[in-house]
Amino acid sequence: MTISFDIQNSMKSIDEQILRTAKEIIVKFIEMGRLSPSNIHESFKDIYATVNETVKKAVSPEAPPDDKQD
């Protein structure tokens, strides 16, 4: 029971860090003038998805690789 609780807390913490990182990237892009506030919504979804995918791949290396070798 404790192990599953620890895993859930760990994943929740990772999800919070992913969200925080995506937000920080958006803020930096706005500060640098590479992104305007009018198109944050679409950009945030893309940045969040990229950060999420990258982190989840790094956290669970036991997952099979995407590229298939015949």
PDB file of N, CA and C in Angstrom:
ATOM      1  N   MET A   1       0.825  -1.194   0.000  1.00  0.00           N
ATOM      2  CA  MET A   1       0.000   0.000   0.000  1.00  0.00           C
ATOM      3  C   MET A   1       0.867   1.254   0.000  1.00  0.00           C
ATOM      4  N   THR A   2       1.905   1.265   0.792  1.00  0.00           N
ATOM      5  CA  THR A   2       2.792   2.417   0.863  1.00  0.00           C
ATOM      6  C   THR A   2       3.522   2.631  -0.449  1.00  0.00           C
ATOM      7  N   ILE A   3       3.906   1.551  -1.102  1.00  0.00           N
ATOM      8  CA  ILE A   3       4.641   1.675  -2.361  1.00  0.00           C
ATOM      9  C   ILE A   3       3.775   2.345  -3.415  1.00  0.00           C
ATOM     10  N   SER A   4       2.528   1.920  -3.562  1.00  0.00           N
ATOM     11  CA  SER A   4       1.664   2.538  -4.570  1.00  0.00           C
ATOM     12  C   SER A   4       1.384   3.997  -4.217  1.00  0.00           C
ATOM     13  N   PHE A   5       1.266   4.301  -2.922  1.00  0.00           N
ATOM     14  CA  PHE A   5       1.061   5.685  -2.498  1.00  0.00           C
ATOM     15  C   PHE A   5       2.277   6.532  -2.841  1.00  0.00           C
ATOM     16  N   ASP A   6       3.478   5.994  -2.608  1.00  0.00           N
ATOM     17  CA  ASP A   6       4.710   6.712  -2.934  1.00  0.00           C
ATOM     18  C   ASP A   6       4.827   6.945  -4.442  1.00  0.00           C
ATOM     19  N   ILE A   7       4.454   5.949  -5.231  1.00  0.00           N
ATOM     20  CA  ILE A   7       4.504   6.087  -6.687  1.00  0.00           C
ATOM     21  C   ILE A   7       3.516   7.155  -7.136  1.00  0.00           C
ATOM     22  N   GLN A   8       2.322   7.153  -6.557  1.00  0.00           N
ATOM     23  CA  GLN A   8       1.325   8.158  -6.924  1.00  0.00           C
ATOM     24  C   GLN A   8       1.813   9.559  -6.551  1.00  0.00           C
ATOM     25  N   ASN A   9       2.406   9.703  -5.360  1.00  0.00           N
ATOM     26  CA  ASN A   9       2.935  11.007  -4.955  1.00  0.00           C
ATOM     27  C   ASN A   9       4.085  11.432  -5.859  1.00  0.00           C
ATOM     28  N   SER A  10       4.917  10.486  -6.240  1.00  0.00           N
ATOM     29  CA  SER A  10       6.039  10.775  -7.122  1.00  0.00           C
ATOM     30  C   SER A  10       5.541  11.247  -8.483  1.00  0.00           C
ATOM     31  N   MET A  11       4.547  10.564  -9.036  1.00  0.00           N
ATOM     32  CA  MET A  11       3.998  10.946 -10.334  1.00  0.00           C
ATOM     33  C   MET A  11       3.308  12.310 -10.241  1.00  0.00           C
ATOM     34  N   LYS A  12       2.621  12.561  -9.119  1.00  0.00           N
ATOM     35  CA  LYS A  12       1.964  13.853  -8.939  1.00  0.00           C
ATOM     36  C   LYS A  12       3.013  14.958  -8.904  1.00  0.00           C
ATOM     37  N   SER A  13       4.108  14.709  -8.215  1.00  0.00           N
ATOM     38  CA  SER A  13       5.188  15.679  -8.152  1.00  0.00           C
ATOM     39  C   SER A  13       5.800  15.904  -9.535  1.00  0.00           C
ATOM     40  N   ILE A  14       5.988  14.834 -10.283  1.00  0.00           N
ATOM     41  CA  ILE A  14       6.533  14.954 -11.638  1.00  0.00           C
ATOM     42  C   ILE A  14       5.576  15.748 -12.522  1.00  0.00           C
ATOM     43  N   ASP A  15       4.284  15.463 -12.421  1.00  0.00           N
ATOM     44  CA  ASP A  15       3.292  16.199 -13.215  1.00  0.00           C
ATOM     45  C   ASP A  15       3.309  17.697 -12.864  1.00  0.00           C
ATOM     46  N   GLU A  16       3.463  18.005 -11.583  1.00  0.00           N
ATOM     47  CA  GLU A  16       3.539  19.409 -11.162  1.00  0.00           C
ATOM     48  C   GLU A  16       4.793  20.073 -11.731  1.00  0.00           C
ATOM     49  N   GLN A  17       5.896  19.357 -11.740  1.00  0.00           N
ATOM     50  CA  GLN A  17       7.135  19.904 -12.284  1.00  0.00           C
ATOM     51  C   GLN A  17       7.026  20.101 -13.794  1.00  0.00           C
ATOM     52  N   ILE A  18       6.346  19.190 -14.466  1.00  0.00           N
ATOM     53  CA  ILE A  18       6.140  19.332 -15.913  1.00  0.00           C
ATOM     54  C   ILE A  18       5.315  20.587 -16.188  1.00  0.00           C
ATOM     55  N   LEU A  19       4.241  20.780 -15.448  1.00  0.00           N
ATOM     56  CA  LEU A  19       3.397  21.962 -15.615  1.00  0.00           C
ATOM     57  C   LEU A  19       4.194  23.232 -15.339  1.00  0.00           C
ATOM     58  N   ARG A  20       4.950  23.241 -14.263  1.00  0.00           N
ATOM     59  CA  ARG A  20       5.757  24.402 -13.897  1.00  0.00           C
ATOM     60  C   ARG A  20       6.788  24.716 -14.990  1.00  0.00           C
ATOM     61  N   THR A  21       7.420  23.682 -15.519  1.00  0.00           N
ATOM     62  CA  THR A  21       8.422  23.874 -16.571  1.00  0.00           C
ATOM     63  C   THR A  21       7.792  24.453 -17.832  1.00  0.00           C
ATOM     64  N   ALA A  22       6.655  23.915 -18.219  1.00  0.00           N
ATOM     65  CA  ALA A  22       5.966  24.423 -19.406  1.00  0.00           C
ATOM     66  C   ALA A  22       5.592  25.899 -19.222  1.00  0.00           C
ATOM     67  N   LYS A  23       5.111  26.244 -18.026  1.00  0.00           N
ATOM     68  CA  LYS A  23       4.761  27.633 -17.748  1.00  0.00           C
ATOM     69  C   LYS A  23       5.986  28.539 -17.815  1.00  0.00           C
ATOM     70  N   GLU A  24       7.106  28.075 -17.278  1.00  0.00           N
ATOM     71  CA  GLU A  24       8.337  28.868 -17.310  1.00  0.00           C
ATOM     72  C   GLU A  24       8.816  29.085 -18.744  1.00  0.00           C
ATOM     73  N   ILE A  25       8.684  28.076 -19.582  1.00  0.00           N
ATOM     74  CA  ILE A  25       9.082  28.212 -20.986  1.00  0.00           C
ATOM     75  C   ILE A  25       8.206  29.254 -21.676  1.00  0.00           C
ATOM     76  N   ILE A  26       6.906  29.204 -21.430  1.00  0.00           N
ATOM     77  CA  ILE A  26       5.983  30.188 -22.009  1.00  0.00           C
ATOM     78  C   ILE A  26       6.378  31.598 -21.582  1.00  0.00           C
ATOM     79  N   VAL A  27       6.646  31.774 -20.296  1.00  0.00           N
ATOM     80  CA  VAL A  27       7.026  33.094 -19.784  1.00  0.00           C
ATOM     81  C   VAL A  27       8.303  33.587 -20.460  1.00  0.00           C
ATOM     82  N   LYS A  28       9.291  32.706 -20.588  1.00  0.00           N
ATOM     83  CA  LYS A  28      10.551  33.093 -21.248  1.00  0.00           C
ATOM     84  C   LYS A  28      10.313  33.482 -22.705  1.00  0.00           C
ATOM     85  N   PHE A  29       9.482  32.724 -23.405  1.00  0.00           N
ATOM     86  CA  PHE A  29       9.185  33.047 -24.799  1.00  0.00           C
ATOM     87  C   PHE A  29       8.497  34.409 -24.911  1.00  0.00           C
ATOM     88  N   ILE A  30       7.604  34.720 -23.996  1.00  0.00           N
ATOM     89  CA  ILE A  30       6.933  36.018 -24.007  1.00  0.00           C
ATOM     90  C   ILE A  30       7.944  37.122 -23.728  1.00  0.00           C
ATOM     91  N   GLU A  31       8.808  36.907 -22.722  1.00  0.00           N
ATOM     92  CA  GLU A  31       9.823  37.907 -22.383  1.00  0.00           C
ATOM     93  C   GLU A  31      10.773  38.176 -23.548  1.00  0.00           C
ATOM     94  N   MET A  32      11.088  37.146 -24.301  1.00  0.00           N
ATOM     95  CA  MET A  32      12.015  37.286 -25.427  1.00  0.00           C
ATOM     96  C   MET A  32      11.328  37.809 -26.688  1.00  0.00           C
ATOM     97  N   GLY A  33      10.002  37.922 -26.656  1.00  0.00           N
ATOM     98  CA  GLY A  33       9.266  38.414 -27.805  1.00  0.00           C
ATOM     99  C   GLY A  33       9.001  37.355 -28.861  1.00  0.00           C
ATOM    100  N   ARG A  34       9.245  36.097 -28.530  1.00  0.00           N
ATOM    101  CA  ARG A  34       9.025  35.015 -29.503  1.00  0.00           C
ATOM    102  C   ARG A  34       7.580  34.522 -29.488  1.00  0.00           C
ATOM    103  N   LEU A  35       6.812  34.975 -28.521  1.00  0.00           N
ATOM    104  CA  LEU A  35       5.432  34.530 -28.359  1.00  0.00           C
ATOM    105  C   LEU A  35       4.605  35.702 -27.874  1.00  0.00           C
ATOM    106  N   SER A  36       3.423  35.858 -28.438  1.00  0.00           N
ATOM    107  CA  SER A  36       2.553  36.926 -27.963  1.00  0.00           C
ATOM    108  C   SER A  36       1.460  36.328 -27.085  1.00  0.00           C
ATOM    109  N   PRO A  37       0.967  37.113 -26.158  1.00  0.00           N
ATOM    110  CA  PRO A  37      -0.085  36.615 -25.269  1.00  0.00           C
ATOM    111  C   PRO A  37      -1.340  36.127 -25.989  1.00  0.00           C
ATOM    112  N   SER A  38      -1.560  36.583 -27.216  1.00  0.00           N
ATOM    113  CA  SER A  38      -2.774  36.189 -27.941  1.00  0.00           C
ATOM    114  C   SER A  38      -2.749  34.735 -28.407  1.00  0.00           C
ATOM    115  N   ASN A  39      -1.568  34.135 -28.511  1.00  0.00           N
ATOM    116  CA  ASN A  39      -1.529  32.739 -28.962  1.00  0.00           C
ATOM    117  C   ASN A  39      -0.903  31.798 -27.927  1.00  0.00           C
ATOM    118  N   ILE A  40      -1.044  32.154 -26.672  1.00  0.00           N
ATOM    119  CA  ILE A  40      -0.497  31.323 -25.592  1.00  0.00           C
ATOM    120  C   ILE A  40      -1.177  29.953 -25.554  1.00  0.00           C
ATOM    121  N   HIS A  41      -2.479  29.921 -25.727  1.00  0.00           N
ATOM    122  CA  HIS A  41      -3.238  28.677 -25.564  1.00  0.00           C
ATOM    123  C   HIS A  41      -2.675  27.542 -26.425  1.00  0.00           C
ATOM    124  N   GLU A  42      -2.543  27.781 -27.695  1.00  0.00           N
ATOM    125  CA  GLU A  42      -2.056  26.731 -28.600  1.00  0.00           C
ATOM    126  C   GLU A  42      -0.596  26.396 -28.325  1.00  0.00           C
ATOM    127  N   SER A  43       0.204  27.415 -28.088  1.00  0.00           N
ATOM    128  CA  SER A  43       1.626  27.186 -27.813  1.00  0.00           C
ATOM    129  C   SER A  43       1.814  26.421 -26.508  1.00  0.00           C
ATOM    130  N   PHE A  44       1.028  26.751 -25.500  1.00  0.00           N
ATOM    131  CA  PHE A  44       1.167  26.069 -24.213  1.00  0.00           C
ATOM    132  C   PHE A  44       0.871  24.573 -24.360  1.00  0.00           C
ATOM    133  N   LYS A  45      -0.169  24.234 -25.110  1.00  0.00           N
ATOM    134  CA  LYS A  45      -0.504  22.817 -25.305  1.00  0.00           C
ATOM    135  C   LYS A  45       0.650  22.072 -25.957  1.00  0.00           C
ATOM    136  N   ASP A  46       1.262  22.684 -26.961  1.00  0.00           N
ATOM    137  CA  ASP A  46       2.376  22.048 -27.655  1.00  0.00           C
ATOM    138  C   ASP A  46       3.599  21.897 -26.745  1.00  0.00           C
ATOM    139  N   ILE A  47       3.921  22.960 -26.016  1.00  0.00           N
ATOM    140  CA  ILE A  47       5.085  22.914 -25.126  1.00  0.00           C
ATOM    141  C   ILE A  47       4.855  21.917 -24.004  1.00  0.00           C
ATOM    142  N   TYR A  48       3.662  21.940 -23.410  1.00  0.00           N
ATOM    143  CA  TYR A  48       3.358  20.995 -22.333  1.00  0.00           C
ATOM    144  C   TYR A  48       3.468  19.549 -22.836  1.00  0.00           C
ATOM    145  N   ALA A  49       2.924  19.274 -23.994  1.00  0.00           N
ATOM    146  CA  ALA A  49       2.970  17.913 -24.543  1.00  0.00           C
ATOM    147  C   ALA A  49       4.408  17.466 -24.780  1.00  0.00           C
ATOM    148  N   THR A  50       5.237  18.363 -25.281  1.00  0.00           N
ATOM    149  CA  THR A  50       6.638  18.021 -25.548  1.00  0.00           C
ATOM    150  C   THR A  50       7.395  17.756 -24.258  1.00  0.00           C
ATOM    151  N   VAL A  51       7.226  18.619 -23.268  1.00  0.00           N
ATOM    152  CA  VAL A  51       7.899  18.427 -21.978  1.00  0.00           C
ATOM    153  C   VAL A  51       7.394  17.147 -21.321  1.00  0.00           C
ATOM    154  N   ASN A  52       6.096  16.930 -21.342  1.00  0.00           N
ATOM    155  CA  ASN A  52       5.500  15.743 -20.736  1.00  0.00           C
ATOM    156  C   ASN A  52       6.047  14.461 -21.374  1.00  0.00           C
ATOM    157  N   GLU A  53       6.063  14.423 -22.689  1.00  0.00           N
ATOM    158  CA  GLU A  53       6.552  13.242 -23.405  1.00  0.00           C
ATOM    159  C   GLU A  53       8.027  12.982 -23.092  1.00  0.00           C
ATOM    160  N   THR A  54       8.818  14.032 -23.083  1.00  0.00           N
ATOM    161  CA  THR A  54      10.250  13.897 -22.824  1.00  0.00           C
ATOM    162  C   THR A  54      10.508  13.376 -21.411  1.00  0.00           C
ATOM    163  N   VAL A  55       9.823  13.941 -20.447  1.00  0.00           N
ATOM    164  CA  VAL A  55      10.023  13.535 -19.055  1.00  0.00           C
ATOM    165  C   VAL A  55       9.536  12.111 -18.834  1.00  0.00           C
ATOM    166  N   LYS A  56       8.365  11.787 -19.352  1.00  0.00           N
ATOM    167  CA  LYS A  56       7.811  10.449 -19.130  1.00  0.00           C
ATOM    168  C   LYS A  56       8.682   9.374 -19.767  1.00  0.00           C
ATOM    169  N   LYS A  57       9.295   9.673 -20.918  1.00  0.00           N
ATOM    170  CA  LYS A  57      10.209   8.714 -21.538  1.00  0.00           C
ATOM    171  C   LYS A  57      11.447   8.520 -20.668  1.00  0.00           C
ATOM    172  N   ALA A  58      11.922   9.596 -20.092  1.00  0.00           N
ATOM    173  CA  ALA A  58      13.124   9.516 -19.253  1.00  0.00           C
ATOM    174  C   ALA A  58      12.831   8.817 -17.930  1.00  0.00           C
ATOM    175  N   VAL A  59      11.628   8.987 -17.404  1.00  0.00           N
ATOM    176  CA  VAL A  59      11.269   8.397 -16.116  1.00  0.00           C
ATOM    177  C   VAL A  59      10.998   6.904 -16.240  1.00  0.00           C
ATOM    178  N   SER A  60      10.450   6.460 -17.356  1.00  0.00           N
ATOM    179  CA  SER A  60      10.121   5.049 -17.520  1.00  0.00           C
ATOM    180  C   SER A  60      10.902   4.443 -18.686  1.00  0.00           C
ATOM    181  N   PRO A  61      12.194   4.183 -18.477  1.00  0.00           N
ATOM    182  CA  PRO A  61      13.007   3.641 -19.574  1.00  0.00           C
ATOM    183  C   PRO A  61      12.671   2.206 -19.939  1.00  0.00           C
ATOM    184  N   GLU A  62      11.855   1.525 -19.120  1.00  0.00           N
ATOM    185  CA  GLU A  62      11.484   0.147 -19.447  1.00  0.00           C
ATOM    186  C   GLU A  62      10.492   0.053 -20.599  1.00  0.00           C
ATOM    187  N   ALA A  63       9.942   1.194 -20.988  1.00  0.00           N
ATOM    188  CA  ALA A  63       9.010   1.210 -22.118  1.00  0.00           C
ATOM    189  C   ALA A  63       9.776   0.882 -23.394  1.00  0.00           C
ATOM    190  N   PRO A  64       9.152   0.146 -24.309  1.00  0.00           N
ATOM    191  CA  PRO A  64       9.838  -0.212 -25.554  1.00  0.00           C
ATOM    192  C   PRO A  64      10.094   1.028 -26.400  1.00  0.00           C
ATOM    193  N   PRO A  65      11.190   1.053 -27.137  1.00  0.00           N
ATOM    194  CA  PRO A  65      11.485   2.213 -27.980  1.00  0.00           C
ATOM    195  C   PRO A  65      10.469   2.351 -29.099  1.00  0.00           C
ATOM    196  N   ASP A  66      10.294   3.573 -29.582  1.00  0.00           N
ATOM    197  CA  ASP A  66       9.317   3.841 -30.637  1.00  0.00           C
ATOM    198  C   ASP A  66       9.745   3.293 -31.982  1.00  0.00           C
ATOM    199  N   ASP A  67      11.042   3.374 -32.273  1.00  0.00           N
ATOM    200  CA  ASP A  67      11.498   2.912 -33.580  1.00  0.00           C
ATOM    201  C   ASP A  67      11.624   1.405 -33.592  1.00  0.00           C
ATOM    202  N   LYS A  68      11.095   0.821 -34.663  1.00  0.00           N
ATOM    203  CA  LYS A  68      11.101  -0.636 -34.816  1.00  0.00           C
ATOM    204  C   LYS A  68      12.185  -1.038 -35.774  1.00  0.00           C
ATOM    205  N   GLN A  69      12.936  -2.048 -35.393  1.00  0.00           N
ATOM    206  CA  GLN A  69      13.977  -2.552 -36.269  1.00  0.00           C
ATOM    207  C   GLN A  69      13.538  -3.909 -36.781  1.00  0.00           C
ATOM    208  N   ASP A  70      13.536  -4.058 -38.094  1.00  0.00           N
ATOM    209  CA  ASP A  70      13.109  -5.330 -38.708  1.00  0.00           C
ATOM    210  C   ASP A  70      14.275  -6.235 -38.942  1.00  0.00           C
TER     211      ASP A  70
END
